[in-house]
Amino acid sequence: MITIDGTIGEGGGQVLRTALSLAAITSKPFVIENIRGRRSKPGLRQQHLICVEAAAQICGAGVEGGQLGSSTLSFKPGATIIPGHYSWDITTAGSTTLVLQTVLPVLAMAGRTSHVKITGGTHNPMAPPLDFIQQSFLPLLDTMGFSSSVRLERYGFYPRGGGVITARIKERTKGKALGLTKRSAMTGARAVILNSGLPEHIARREKKILLESRLFESSGIEVLQPRTGQTGNAVWAIIQYGPVHCVFTAFGQKGKPAETVASEVVEQIIFHDESGLPVEALLADQLLLYMALRGDGCFATSRLSLHAITNMEIIGKFLKVAFAVEELPAGRLVRILSMK
């Protein structure tokens, strides 16, 4: 039984999600205490509970402590990963992409294709945006032998949720080791403004900031105004460096000026672009687990977050891998050092 302190590192839900994924894959049981111990509202929230239930369903796990607000959880996986058609409803605006993050690596090891449907929030602060998953993350996973596709079926925003994503997760193939140490020249830049149920002037003001940055042409900025019956605002940019697409996102919220939302995206782009390195912080975090499952690979990133460093530590509790982190003038080089 692996014991995990939920306050480790950044002390959030990623500790639990990574543990759930790897327990299901390795059939190693774990107990986690002080779940989300560094958050203002610690314990299992609804989206974390759905992650537990989804992982347990896929691998036939026994669970103790799987209740809302629980600070301790015991997870004892079965010996087999079960492919198939799955549907999970978070029932709140909790992040659908975080549930997908939990089950994707597990179902990739199931031996045949699976299909999942997840209902909840589709564009959430503090969660990987769906466009990041589609445009940046999944194409690189495909080269590594983890092939999946994700579709947005319906938008869902805080506080109502109700959005839907569907995913097709194929059986893992051999693929090849990730090797992203040098960056190609910028070959494209486009941006999307999502403005649902809000005045049009918000999108106009955000577009003005994006154009003033001189990173985008007017034709390269798309404004989406879906009729969802909900309000939601986000801006994201897709910057293409050869085969790598970096996605930078900021979310609107009550009291936050539209100019600030767009400026946050521009600042992220400039910070990463000036590093001269291929992988941005969110992508760096997401790639670690898959590199560890392969036992090879490396990348250079403009920023290695506490989130990523925490992820490395949890991965090391389940898999016999070690990460080497080397300081660079404008970032860090991360590689699988050896099999322990």
C-alpha atoms as a PDB file:
ATOM      1  CA  MET A   1       0.000   0.000   0.000  1.00  0.00           C
ATOM      2  CA  ILE A   2       1.511   3.290  -1.162  1.00  0.00           C
ATOM      3  CA  THR A   3       0.899   6.151   1.286  1.00  0.00           C
ATOM      4  CA  ILE A   4       0.576   9.683  -0.091  1.00  0.00           C
ATOM      5  CA  ASP A   5       0.365  12.969   1.772  1.00  0.00           C
ATOM      6  CA  GLY A   6      -2.105  15.161  -0.113  1.00  0.00           C
ATOM      7  CA  THR A   7      -0.279  18.324   0.999  1.00  0.00           C
ATOM      8  CA  ILE A   8       2.816  17.343  -0.964  1.00  0.00           C
ATOM      9  CA  GLY A   9       4.123  20.080  -3.283  1.00  0.00           C
ATOM     10  CA  GLU A  10       1.280  22.150  -4.688  1.00  0.00           C
ATOM     11  CA  GLY A  11      -1.136  20.086  -2.598  1.00  0.00           C
ATOM     12  CA  GLY A  12      -4.059  20.099  -5.031  1.00  0.00           C
ATOM     13  CA  GLY A  13      -6.185  17.686  -7.001  1.00  0.00           C
ATOM     14  CA  GLN A  14      -3.376  16.678  -9.370  1.00  0.00           C
ATOM     15  CA  VAL A  15      -1.832  14.594  -6.605  1.00  0.00           C
ATOM     16  CA  LEU A  16      -5.010  12.506  -6.456  1.00  0.00           C
ATOM     17  CA  ARG A  17      -5.568  12.312 -10.218  1.00  0.00           C
ATOM     18  CA  THR A  18      -2.045  11.111 -10.992  1.00  0.00           C
ATOM     19  CA  ALA A  19      -2.261   8.538  -8.204  1.00  0.00           C
ATOM     20  CA  LEU A  20      -5.605   7.254  -9.526  1.00  0.00           C
ATOM     21  CA  SER A  21      -4.265   6.893 -13.083  1.00  0.00           C
ATOM     22  CA  LEU A  22      -1.097   5.084 -12.090  1.00  0.00           C
ATOM     23  CA  ALA A  23      -2.763   2.868  -9.499  1.00  0.00           C
ATOM     24  CA  ALA A  24      -5.190   1.659 -12.159  1.00  0.00           C
ATOM     25  CA  ILE A  25      -2.355   1.043 -14.639  1.00  0.00           C
ATOM     26  CA  THR A  26       0.052  -0.672 -12.215  1.00  0.00           C
ATOM     27  CA  SER A  27      -2.531  -2.397  -9.974  1.00  0.00           C
ATOM     28  CA  LYS A  28      -0.766  -0.849  -6.960  1.00  0.00           C
ATOM     29  CA  PRO A  29      -3.118   0.216  -4.129  1.00  0.00           C
ATOM     30  CA  PHE A  30      -2.677   3.518  -2.336  1.00  0.00           C
ATOM     31  CA  VAL A  31      -4.070   5.566   0.504  1.00  0.00           C
ATOM     32  CA  ILE A  32      -4.020   9.347   0.342  1.00  0.00           C
ATOM     33  CA  GLU A  33      -4.419  11.535   3.422  1.00  0.00           C
ATOM     34  CA  ASN A  34      -4.998  15.284   3.671  1.00  0.00           C
ATOM     35  CA  ILE A  35      -6.582  15.329   0.193  1.00  0.00           C
ATOM     36  CA  ARG A  36      -6.137  18.764  -1.419  1.00  0.00           C
ATOM     37  CA  GLY A  37      -4.665  19.865   1.881  1.00  0.00           C
ATOM     38  CA  ARG A  38      -3.261  23.135   0.540  1.00  0.00           C
ATOM     39  CA  ARG A  39      -6.546  24.337  -0.951  1.00  0.00           C
ATOM     40  CA  SER A  40      -8.926  26.808   0.713  1.00  0.00           C
ATOM     41  CA  LYS A  41     -11.641  24.133   0.599  1.00  0.00           C
ATOM     42  CA  PRO A  42      -9.732  20.860   1.183  1.00  0.00           C
ATOM     43  CA  GLY A  43     -11.102  17.367   0.709  1.00  0.00           C
ATOM     44  CA  LEU A  44     -12.906  15.729  -2.205  1.00  0.00           C
ATOM     45  CA  ARG A  45     -15.039  18.067  -4.302  1.00  0.00           C
ATOM     46  CA  GLN A  46     -17.534  16.765  -6.830  1.00  0.00           C
ATOM     47  CA  GLN A  47     -15.152  16.696  -9.806  1.00  0.00           C
ATOM     48  CA  HIS A  48     -12.525  14.831  -7.754  1.00  0.00           C
ATOM     49  CA  LEU A  49     -15.128  12.331  -6.611  1.00  0.00           C
ATOM     50  CA  ILE A  50     -16.091  11.653 -10.238  1.00  0.00           C
ATOM     51  CA  CYS A  51     -12.394  11.070 -11.030  1.00  0.00           C
ATOM     52  CA  VAL A  52     -12.305   8.472  -8.244  1.00  0.00           C
ATOM     53  CA  GLU A  53     -15.506   6.814  -9.436  1.00  0.00           C
ATOM     54  CA  ALA A  54     -14.359   6.780 -13.070  1.00  0.00           C
ATOM     55  CA  ALA A  55     -10.959   5.262 -12.279  1.00  0.00           C
ATOM     56  CA  ALA A  56     -12.574   2.681  -9.999  1.00  0.00           C
ATOM     57  CA  GLN A  57     -15.102   1.712 -12.665  1.00  0.00           C
ATOM     58  CA  ILE A  58     -12.411   1.229 -15.296  1.00  0.00           C
ATOM     59  CA  CYS A  59     -10.209  -1.040 -13.189  1.00  0.00           C
ATOM     60  CA  GLY A  60     -12.710  -2.633 -10.782  1.00  0.00           C
ATOM     61  CA  ALA A  61     -11.211  -0.932  -7.735  1.00  0.00           C
ATOM     62  CA  GLY A  62     -12.362  -1.075  -4.159  1.00  0.00           C
ATOM     63  CA  VAL A  63     -12.689   2.381  -2.627  1.00  0.00           C
ATOM     64  CA  GLU A  64     -12.985   3.579   0.962  1.00  0.00           C
ATOM     65  CA  GLY A  65     -13.540   7.230   1.773  1.00  0.00           C
ATOM     66  CA  GLY A  66     -15.119   8.108  -1.563  1.00  0.00           C
ATOM     67  CA  GLN A  67     -17.508  10.760  -0.266  1.00  0.00           C
ATOM     68  CA  LEU A  68     -17.788  14.506  -0.746  1.00  0.00           C
ATOM     69  CA  GLY A  69     -15.506  16.348   1.644  1.00  0.00           C
ATOM     70  CA  SER A  70     -13.484  13.254   2.526  1.00  0.00           C
ATOM     71  CA  SER A  71      -9.855  13.992   3.398  1.00  0.00           C
ATOM     72  CA  THR A  72      -8.684  10.359   3.257  1.00  0.00           C
ATOM     73  CA  LEU A  73      -9.154   7.836   0.460  1.00  0.00           C
ATOM     74  CA  SER A  74      -8.114   4.204   0.045  1.00  0.00           C
ATOM     75  CA  PHE A  75      -7.996   2.893  -3.536  1.00  0.00           C
ATOM     76  CA  LYS A  76      -7.388  -0.808  -4.259  1.00  0.00           C
ATOM     77  CA  PRO A  77      -7.393  -1.447  -8.021  1.00  0.00           C
ATOM     78  CA  GLY A  78      -8.373  -4.695  -9.658  1.00  0.00           C
ATOM     79  CA  ALA A  79      -5.975  -6.578 -11.889  1.00  0.00           C
ATOM     80  CA  THR A  80      -7.589  -5.678 -15.233  1.00  0.00           C
ATOM     81  CA  ILE A  81      -8.344  -2.452 -17.085  1.00  0.00           C
ATOM     82  CA  ILE A  82     -11.754  -2.674 -18.729  1.00  0.00           C
ATOM     83  CA  PRO A  83     -12.173  -0.944 -22.121  1.00  0.00           C
ATOM     84  CA  GLY A  84     -15.621   0.079 -23.318  1.00  0.00           C
ATOM     85  CA  HIS A  85     -18.147   2.920 -23.510  1.00  0.00           C
ATOM     86  CA  TYR A  86     -18.291   5.139 -20.429  1.00  0.00           C
ATOM     87  CA  SER A  87     -20.338   8.170 -19.413  1.00  0.00           C
ATOM     88  CA  TRP A  88     -19.754  10.377 -16.354  1.00  0.00           C
ATOM     89  CA  ASP A  89     -21.743  13.417 -15.235  1.00  0.00           C
ATOM     90  CA  ILE A  90     -19.985  15.706 -12.774  1.00  0.00           C
ATOM     91  CA  THR A  91     -23.398  17.383 -12.091  1.00  0.00           C
ATOM     92  CA  THR A  92     -21.619  20.685 -11.404  1.00  0.00           C
ATOM     93  CA  ALA A  93     -19.400  22.961 -13.497  1.00  0.00           C
ATOM     94  CA  GLY A  94     -16.378  20.899 -12.439  1.00  0.00           C
ATOM     95  CA  SER A  95     -13.831  20.379 -15.184  1.00  0.00           C
ATOM     96  CA  THR A  96     -14.517  17.719 -17.798  1.00  0.00           C
ATOM     97  CA  THR A  97     -10.902  17.911 -18.984  1.00  0.00           C
ATOM     98  CA  LEU A  98      -9.581  16.975 -15.538  1.00  0.00           C
ATOM     99  CA  VAL A  99     -11.739  13.859 -15.506  1.00  0.00           C
ATOM    100  CA  LEU A 100     -10.467  13.076 -19.005  1.00  0.00           C
ATOM    101  CA  GLN A 101      -6.900  13.630 -17.774  1.00  0.00           C
ATOM    102  CA  THR A 102      -7.457  10.895 -15.175  1.00  0.00           C
ATOM    103  CA  VAL A 103      -8.918   8.205 -17.430  1.00  0.00           C
ATOM    104  CA  LEU A 104      -7.057   8.799 -20.709  1.00  0.00           C
ATOM    105  CA  PRO A 105      -3.745   7.090 -19.822  1.00  0.00           C
ATOM    106  CA  VAL A 106      -5.595   4.218 -18.160  1.00  0.00           C
ATOM    107  CA  LEU A 107      -7.873   3.439 -21.107  1.00  0.00           C
ATOM    108  CA  ALA A 108      -4.911   3.750 -23.482  1.00  0.00           C
ATOM    109  CA  MET A 109      -3.507   0.652 -21.740  1.00  0.00           C
ATOM    110  CA  ALA A 110      -6.775  -1.306 -21.991  1.00  0.00           C
ATOM    111  CA  GLY A 111      -5.995  -3.282 -25.150  1.00  0.00           C
ATOM    112  CA  ARG A 112      -8.682  -1.845 -27.419  1.00  0.00           C
ATOM    113  CA  THR A 113     -10.477   1.424 -28.219  1.00  0.00           C
ATOM    114  CA  SER A 114     -12.757   3.035 -25.635  1.00  0.00           C
ATOM    115  CA  HIS A 115     -15.287   5.856 -25.899  1.00  0.00           C
ATOM    116  CA  VAL A 116     -16.121   8.281 -23.098  1.00  0.00           C
ATOM    117  CA  LYS A 117     -18.655  11.046 -22.562  1.00  0.00           C
ATOM    118  CA  ILE A 118     -18.127  13.563 -19.759  1.00  0.00           C
ATOM    119  CA  THR A 119     -20.642  16.214 -18.667  1.00  0.00           C
ATOM    120  CA  GLY A 120     -19.713  19.296 -16.640  1.00  0.00           C
ATOM    121  CA  GLY A 121     -17.656  22.446 -17.249  1.00  0.00           C
ATOM    122  CA  THR A 122     -15.765  22.674 -20.539  1.00  0.00           C
ATOM    123  CA  HIS A 123     -13.855  25.934 -20.033  1.00  0.00           C
ATOM    124  CA  ASN A 124     -12.621  26.259 -16.462  1.00  0.00           C
ATOM    125  CA  PRO A 125      -9.889  28.346 -14.848  1.00  0.00           C
ATOM    126  CA  MET A 126      -7.264  26.152 -13.140  1.00  0.00           C
ATOM    127  CA  ALA A 127      -7.875  23.294 -15.599  1.00  0.00           C
ATOM    128  CA  PRO A 128      -6.422  22.387 -19.009  1.00  0.00           C
ATOM    129  CA  PRO A 129      -8.583  24.167 -21.618  1.00  0.00           C
ATOM    130  CA  LEU A 130     -10.203  21.901 -24.180  1.00  0.00           C
ATOM    131  CA  ASP A 131      -8.428  23.673 -27.037  1.00  0.00           C
ATOM    132  CA  PHE A 132      -5.099  22.981 -25.349  1.00  0.00           C
ATOM    133  CA  ILE A 133      -6.026  19.293 -25.218  1.00  0.00           C
ATOM    134  CA  GLN A 134      -7.041  19.237 -28.882  1.00  0.00           C
ATOM    135  CA  GLN A 135      -4.431  21.493 -30.441  1.00  0.00           C
ATOM    136  CA  SER A 136      -1.311  21.031 -28.331  1.00  0.00           C
ATOM    137  CA  PHE A 137      -1.419  17.973 -26.092  1.00  0.00           C
ATOM    138  CA  LEU A 138      -3.014  15.169 -28.117  1.00  0.00           C
ATOM    139  CA  PRO A 139      -0.895  15.639 -31.286  1.00  0.00           C
ATOM    140  CA  LEU A 140       2.284  15.085 -29.253  1.00  0.00           C
ATOM    141  CA  LEU A 141       0.771  12.107 -27.422  1.00  0.00           C
ATOM    142  CA  ASP A 142      -0.048  10.583 -30.794  1.00  0.00           C
ATOM    143  CA  THR A 143       3.650  10.579 -31.757  1.00  0.00           C
ATOM    144  CA  MET A 144       4.400   8.871 -28.420  1.00  0.00           C
ATOM    145  CA  GLY A 145       1.939   6.054 -29.144  1.00  0.00           C
ATOM    146  CA  PHE A 146      -1.062   7.360 -27.184  1.00  0.00           C
ATOM    147  CA  SER A 147      -3.641   8.230 -29.815  1.00  0.00           C
ATOM    148  CA  SER A 148      -6.935   9.894 -28.862  1.00  0.00           C
ATOM    149  CA  SER A 149      -9.415  12.421 -30.185  1.00  0.00           C
ATOM    150  CA  VAL A 150     -11.697  14.757 -28.232  1.00  0.00           C
ATOM    151  CA  ARG A 151     -14.767  16.687 -29.365  1.00  0.00           C
ATOM    152  CA  LEU A 152     -16.719  19.523 -27.805  1.00  0.00           C
ATOM    153  CA  GLU A 153     -20.404  18.636 -27.978  1.00  0.00           C
ATOM    154  CA  ARG A 154     -21.819  21.438 -25.809  1.00  0.00           C
ATOM    155  CA  TYR A 155     -20.329  24.339 -23.854  1.00  0.00           C
ATOM    156  CA  GLY A 156     -20.609  24.432 -20.079  1.00  0.00           C
ATOM    157  CA  PHE A 157     -19.538  27.286 -17.806  1.00  0.00           C
ATOM    158  CA  TYR A 158     -19.501  28.075 -14.096  1.00  0.00           C
ATOM    159  CA  PRO A 159     -21.788  27.824 -12.172  1.00  0.00           C
ATOM    160  CA  ARG A 160     -24.248  25.690 -14.176  1.00  0.00           C
ATOM    161  CA  GLY A 161     -21.980  23.322 -16.099  1.00  0.00           C
ATOM    162  CA  GLY A 162     -23.939  21.021 -18.375  1.00  0.00           C
ATOM    163  CA  GLY A 163     -21.278  21.046 -21.091  1.00  0.00           C
ATOM    164  CA  VAL A 164     -20.330  17.827 -22.835  1.00  0.00           C
ATOM    165  CA  ILE A 165     -17.105  16.468 -24.304  1.00  0.00           C
ATOM    166  CA  THR A 166     -16.650  13.091 -25.950  1.00  0.00           C
ATOM    167  CA  ALA A 167     -13.390  11.231 -26.497  1.00  0.00           C
ATOM    168  CA  ARG A 168     -12.174   8.234 -28.441  1.00  0.00           C
ATOM    169  CA  ILE A 169      -9.153   6.633 -26.778  1.00  0.00           C
ATOM    170  CA  LYS A 170      -7.254   4.069 -28.828  1.00  0.00           C
ATOM    171  CA  GLU A 171      -5.044   1.227 -27.694  1.00  0.00           C
ATOM    172  CA  ARG A 172      -1.479   2.306 -27.032  1.00  0.00           C
ATOM    173  CA  THR A 173       1.004   1.642 -29.826  1.00  0.00           C
ATOM    174  CA  LYS A 174       4.803   1.648 -29.909  1.00  0.00           C
ATOM    175  CA  GLY A 175       5.235   5.300 -30.914  1.00  0.00           C
ATOM    176  CA  LYS A 176       8.573   7.013 -30.417  1.00  0.00           C
ATOM    177  CA  ALA A 177      10.393   8.843 -27.674  1.00  0.00           C
ATOM    178  CA  LEU A 178       9.599  12.516 -27.190  1.00  0.00           C
ATOM    179  CA  GLY A 179      12.568  14.713 -28.024  1.00  0.00           C
ATOM    180  CA  LEU A 180      11.785  18.423 -27.804  1.00  0.00           C
ATOM    181  CA  THR A 181      14.980  20.249 -26.947  1.00  0.00           C
ATOM    182  CA  LYS A 182      15.098  22.819 -29.762  1.00  0.00           C
ATOM    183  CA  ARG A 183      12.344  25.060 -31.006  1.00  0.00           C
ATOM    184  CA  SER A 184      11.383  25.648 -34.608  1.00  0.00           C
ATOM    185  CA  ALA A 185      10.673  29.138 -35.902  1.00  0.00           C
ATOM    186  CA  MET A 186       7.183  30.534 -35.363  1.00  0.00           C
ATOM    187  CA  THR A 187       5.057  29.441 -38.320  1.00  0.00           C
ATOM    188  CA  GLY A 188       1.615  30.608 -37.259  1.00  0.00           C
ATOM    189  CA  ALA A 189      -0.321  32.609 -34.691  1.00  0.00           C
ATOM    190  CA  ARG A 190      -4.068  32.743 -34.217  1.00  0.00           C
ATOM    191  CA  ALA A 191      -6.404  33.554 -31.376  1.00  0.00           C
ATOM    192  CA  VAL A 192      -9.949  32.761 -30.285  1.00  0.00           C
ATOM    193  CA  ILE A 193     -12.233  34.942 -28.174  1.00  0.00           C
ATOM    194  CA  LEU A 194     -15.076  33.038 -26.531  1.00  0.00           C
ATOM    195  CA  ASN A 195     -17.840  35.426 -25.475  1.00  0.00           C
ATOM    196  CA  SER A 196     -21.033  33.676 -24.450  1.00  0.00           C
ATOM    197  CA  GLY A 197     -24.054  35.654 -23.269  1.00  0.00           C
ATOM    198  CA  LEU A 198     -22.034  38.825 -22.646  1.00  0.00           C
ATOM    199  CA  PRO A 199     -22.031  42.253 -24.384  1.00  0.00           C
ATOM    200  CA  GLU A 200     -20.227  42.381 -27.722  1.00  0.00           C
ATOM    201  CA  HIS A 201     -17.986  45.218 -26.556  1.00  0.00           C
ATOM    202  CA  ILE A 202     -16.086  42.728 -24.354  1.00  0.00           C
ATOM    203  CA  ALA A 203     -14.905  40.785 -27.398  1.00  0.00           C
ATOM    204  CA  ARG A 204     -14.103  44.021 -29.252  1.00  0.00           C
ATOM    205  CA  ARG A 205     -11.918  45.273 -26.392  1.00  0.00           C
ATOM    206  CA  GLU A 206     -10.118  41.934 -26.128  1.00  0.00           C
ATOM    207  CA  LYS A 207      -9.513  41.857 -29.869  1.00  0.00           C
ATOM    208  CA  LYS A 208      -8.092  45.398 -29.717  1.00  0.00           C
ATOM    209  CA  ILE A 209      -5.478  44.327 -27.163  1.00  0.00           C
ATOM    210  CA  LEU A 210      -4.527  41.283 -29.230  1.00  0.00           C
ATOM    211  CA  LEU A 211      -4.083  43.411 -32.363  1.00  0.00           C
ATOM    212  CA  GLU A 212      -2.012  45.992 -30.491  1.00  0.00           C
ATOM    213  CA  SER A 213       0.426  43.241 -29.506  1.00  0.00           C
ATOM    214  CA  ARG A 214       1.284  42.856 -33.224  1.00  0.00           C
ATOM    215  CA  LEU A 215       1.298  39.098 -32.756  1.00  0.00           C
ATOM    216  CA  PHE A 216      -1.896  38.579 -34.738  1.00  0.00           C
ATOM    217  CA  GLU A 217      -3.559  39.733 -37.928  1.00  0.00           C
ATOM    218  CA  SER A 218      -7.235  40.638 -37.696  1.00  0.00           C
ATOM    219  CA  SER A 219      -8.084  37.662 -39.907  1.00  0.00           C
ATOM    220  CA  GLY A 220      -6.319  35.401 -37.425  1.00  0.00           C
ATOM    221  CA  ILE A 221      -8.624  36.303 -34.518  1.00  0.00           C
ATOM    222  CA  GLU A 222     -11.897  34.380 -34.306  1.00  0.00           C
ATOM    223  CA  VAL A 223     -14.792  35.465 -32.085  1.00  0.00           C
ATOM    224  CA  LEU A 224     -17.111  32.706 -30.878  1.00  0.00           C
ATOM    225  CA  GLN A 225     -20.521  33.673 -29.497  1.00  0.00           C
ATOM    226  CA  PRO A 226     -22.299  30.387 -28.761  1.00  0.00           C
ATOM    227  CA  ARG A 227     -25.901  30.526 -27.622  1.00  0.00           C
ATOM    228  CA  THR A 228     -25.669  28.503 -24.433  1.00  0.00           C
ATOM    229  CA  GLY A 229     -28.003  30.344 -22.092  1.00  0.00           C
ATOM    230  CA  GLN A 230     -24.936  30.847 -19.896  1.00  0.00           C
ATOM    231  CA  THR A 231     -22.301  33.537 -19.564  1.00  0.00           C
ATOM    232  CA  GLY A 232     -18.648  32.783 -20.164  1.00  0.00           C
ATOM    233  CA  ASN A 233     -15.559  34.533 -21.462  1.00  0.00           C
ATOM    234  CA  ALA A 234     -12.112  33.271 -22.365  1.00  0.00           C
ATOM    235  CA  VAL A 235      -9.294  34.175 -24.716  1.00  0.00           C
ATOM    236  CA  TRP A 236      -6.757  31.714 -26.009  1.00  0.00           C
ATOM    237  CA  ALA A 237      -3.976  31.836 -28.560  1.00  0.00           C
ATOM    238  CA  ILE A 238      -2.454  29.005 -30.577  1.00  0.00           C
ATOM    239  CA  ILE A 239       1.164  29.747 -31.475  1.00  0.00           C
ATOM    240  CA  GLN A 240       2.719  27.261 -33.881  1.00  0.00           C
ATOM    241  CA  TYR A 241       6.424  26.489 -33.734  1.00  0.00           C
ATOM    242  CA  GLY A 242       6.813  23.856 -36.426  1.00  0.00           C
ATOM    243  CA  PRO A 243       5.309  20.614 -35.090  1.00  0.00           C
ATOM    244  CA  VAL A 244       4.584  22.075 -31.637  1.00  0.00           C
ATOM    245  CA  HIS A 245       1.466  24.144 -30.989  1.00  0.00           C
ATOM    246  CA  CYS A 246       1.565  26.155 -27.763  1.00  0.00           C
ATOM    247  CA  VAL A 247      -1.778  27.257 -26.336  1.00  0.00           C
ATOM    248  CA  PHE A 248      -2.039  30.185 -23.922  1.00  0.00           C
ATOM    249  CA  THR A 249      -5.322  30.951 -22.164  1.00  0.00           C
ATOM    250  CA  ALA A 250      -6.913  33.486 -19.822  1.00  0.00           C
ATOM    251  CA  PHE A 251     -10.450  33.563 -18.431  1.00  0.00           C
ATOM    252  CA  GLY A 252     -12.808  36.420 -17.804  1.00  0.00           C
ATOM    253  CA  GLN A 253     -14.574  36.770 -14.490  1.00  0.00           C
ATOM    254  CA  LYS A 254     -16.791  39.284 -12.735  1.00  0.00           C
ATOM    255  CA  GLY A 255     -14.903  42.510 -12.079  1.00  0.00           C
ATOM    256  CA  LYS A 256     -11.979  41.615 -14.357  1.00  0.00           C
ATOM    257  CA  PRO A 257     -11.581  44.047 -17.275  1.00  0.00           C
ATOM    258  CA  ALA A 258     -11.620  42.585 -20.778  1.00  0.00           C
ATOM    259  CA  GLU A 259      -8.283  44.274 -21.432  1.00  0.00           C
ATOM    260  CA  THR A 260      -6.723  42.361 -18.553  1.00  0.00           C
ATOM    261  CA  VAL A 261      -7.939  39.018 -19.917  1.00  0.00           C
ATOM    262  CA  ALA A 262      -6.373  39.601 -23.342  1.00  0.00           C
ATOM    263  CA  SER A 263      -3.209  41.110 -21.845  1.00  0.00           C
ATOM    264  CA  GLU A 264      -2.640  37.990 -19.733  1.00  0.00           C
ATOM    265  CA  VAL A 265      -2.569  35.901 -22.905  1.00  0.00           C
ATOM    266  CA  VAL A 266      -0.130  38.281 -24.604  1.00  0.00           C
ATOM    267  CA  GLU A 267       2.171  38.240 -21.563  1.00  0.00           C
ATOM    268  CA  GLN A 268       2.244  34.436 -21.540  1.00  0.00           C
ATOM    269  CA  ILE A 269       3.158  34.356 -25.226  1.00  0.00           C
ATOM    270  CA  ILE A 270       5.957  36.897 -24.856  1.00  0.00           C
ATOM    271  CA  PHE A 271       7.443  35.143 -21.811  1.00  0.00           C
ATOM    272  CA  HIS A 272       7.541  31.804 -23.604  1.00  0.00           C
ATOM    273  CA  ASP A 273       8.690  33.179 -26.957  1.00  0.00           C
ATOM    274  CA  GLU A 274      11.632  35.005 -25.398  1.00  0.00           C
ATOM    275  CA  SER A 275      12.876  31.777 -23.822  1.00  0.00           C
ATOM    276  CA  GLY A 276      13.590  30.251 -27.221  1.00  0.00           C
ATOM    277  CA  LEU A 277      12.479  26.853 -25.862  1.00  0.00           C
ATOM    278  CA  PRO A 278       9.843  24.528 -27.347  1.00  0.00           C
ATOM    279  CA  VAL A 279       7.550  23.551 -24.447  1.00  0.00           C
ATOM    280  CA  GLU A 280       5.440  25.892 -22.296  1.00  0.00           C
ATOM    281  CA  ALA A 281       4.555  25.204 -18.656  1.00  0.00           C
ATOM    282  CA  LEU A 282       1.141  23.546 -18.996  1.00  0.00           C
ATOM    283  CA  LEU A 283       2.334  21.213 -21.726  1.00  0.00           C
ATOM    284  CA  ALA A 284       5.438  20.330 -19.690  1.00  0.00           C
ATOM    285  CA  ASP A 285       3.266  19.254 -16.778  1.00  0.00           C
ATOM    286  CA  GLN A 286       0.965  17.127 -18.924  1.00  0.00           C
ATOM    287  CA  LEU A 287       3.732  15.247 -20.770  1.00  0.00           C
ATOM    288  CA  LEU A 288       5.472  13.863 -17.687  1.00  0.00           C
ATOM    289  CA  LEU A 289       3.204  10.893 -16.992  1.00  0.00           C
ATOM    290  CA  TYR A 290       3.357   9.649 -20.585  1.00  0.00           C
ATOM    291  CA  MET A 291       7.133   9.967 -20.732  1.00  0.00           C
ATOM    292  CA  ALA A 292       7.273   7.926 -17.539  1.00  0.00           C
ATOM    293  CA  LEU A 293       4.989   5.221 -18.941  1.00  0.00           C
ATOM    294  CA  ARG A 294       7.307   4.941 -21.943  1.00  0.00           C
ATOM    295  CA  GLY A 295      10.478   5.178 -19.842  1.00  0.00           C
ATOM    296  CA  ASP A 296      12.135   7.604 -22.249  1.00  0.00           C
ATOM    297  CA  GLY A 297      12.007  11.120 -23.682  1.00  0.00           C
ATOM    298  CA  CYS A 298      13.080  14.674 -22.936  1.00  0.00           C
ATOM    299  CA  PHE A 299      11.945  18.262 -23.421  1.00  0.00           C
ATOM    300  CA  ALA A 300      13.120  21.789 -22.721  1.00  0.00           C
ATOM    301  CA  THR A 301      10.573  24.107 -21.128  1.00  0.00           C
ATOM    302  CA  SER A 302      10.396  27.820 -20.486  1.00  0.00           C
ATOM    303  CA  ARG A 303       8.949  27.175 -17.014  1.00  0.00           C
ATOM    304  CA  LEU A 304       8.689  24.110 -14.795  1.00  0.00           C
ATOM    305  CA  SER A 305       5.841  24.693 -12.370  1.00  0.00           C
ATOM    306  CA  LEU A 306       5.453  23.418  -8.809  1.00  0.00           C
ATOM    307  CA  HIS A 307       2.540  21.451 -10.248  1.00  0.00           C
ATOM    308  CA  ALA A 308       4.962  19.589 -12.538  1.00  0.00           C
ATOM    309  CA  ILE A 309       7.524  18.965  -9.807  1.00  0.00           C
ATOM    310  CA  THR A 310       4.765  17.522  -7.606  1.00  0.00           C
ATOM    311  CA  ASN A 311       3.665  15.321 -10.483  1.00  0.00           C
ATOM    312  CA  MET A 312       7.191  13.926 -10.794  1.00  0.00           C
ATOM    313  CA  GLU A 313       7.188  12.930  -7.143  1.00  0.00           C
ATOM    314  CA  ILE A 314       3.848  11.115  -7.354  1.00  0.00           C
ATOM    315  CA  ILE A 315       4.881   9.336 -10.560  1.00  0.00           C
ATOM    316  CA  GLY A 316       8.010   8.083  -8.809  1.00  0.00           C
ATOM    317  CA  LYS A 317       5.897   6.363  -6.160  1.00  0.00           C
ATOM    318  CA  PHE A 318       4.288   4.078  -8.767  1.00  0.00           C
ATOM    319  CA  LEU A 319       6.805   3.705 -11.615  1.00  0.00           C
ATOM    320  CA  LYS A 320      10.491   2.831 -11.558  1.00  0.00           C
ATOM    321  CA  VAL A 321      11.631   5.964 -13.319  1.00  0.00           C
ATOM    322  CA  ALA A 322      13.705   8.978 -12.390  1.00  0.00           C
ATOM    323  CA  PHE A 323      13.479  12.476 -13.834  1.00  0.00           C
ATOM    324  CA  ALA A 324      16.596  14.561 -14.399  1.00  0.00           C
ATOM    325  CA  VAL A 325      16.100  18.338 -14.365  1.00  0.00           C
ATOM    326  CA  GLU A 326      18.863  20.548 -15.757  1.00  0.00           C
ATOM    327  CA  GLU A 327      18.932  24.321 -15.452  1.00  0.00           C
ATOM    328  CA  LEU A 328      19.084  26.231 -18.741  1.00  0.00           C
ATOM    329  CA  PRO A 329      19.677  29.969 -19.250  1.00  0.00           C
ATOM    330  CA  ALA A 330      15.970  30.552 -19.953  1.00  0.00           C
ATOM    331  CA  GLY A 331      14.278  27.446 -18.596  1.00  0.00           C
ATOM    332  CA  ARG A 332      14.870  23.808 -17.772  1.00  0.00           C
ATOM    333  CA  LEU A 333      15.627  20.539 -19.547  1.00  0.00           C
ATOM    334  CA  VAL A 334      13.642  17.548 -18.298  1.00  0.00           C
ATOM    335  CA  ARG A 335      14.463  13.970 -19.254  1.00  0.00           C
ATOM    336  CA  ILE A 336      13.962  10.427 -18.083  1.00  0.00           C
ATOM    337  CA  LEU A 337      17.306   9.703 -16.474  1.00  0.00           C
ATOM    338  CA  SER A 338      17.138   5.983 -15.883  1.00  0.00           C
ATOM    339  CA  MET A 339      15.085   3.031 -14.801  1.00  0.00           C
ATOM    340  CA  LYS A 340      15.697   2.551 -11.068  1.00  0.00           C
END
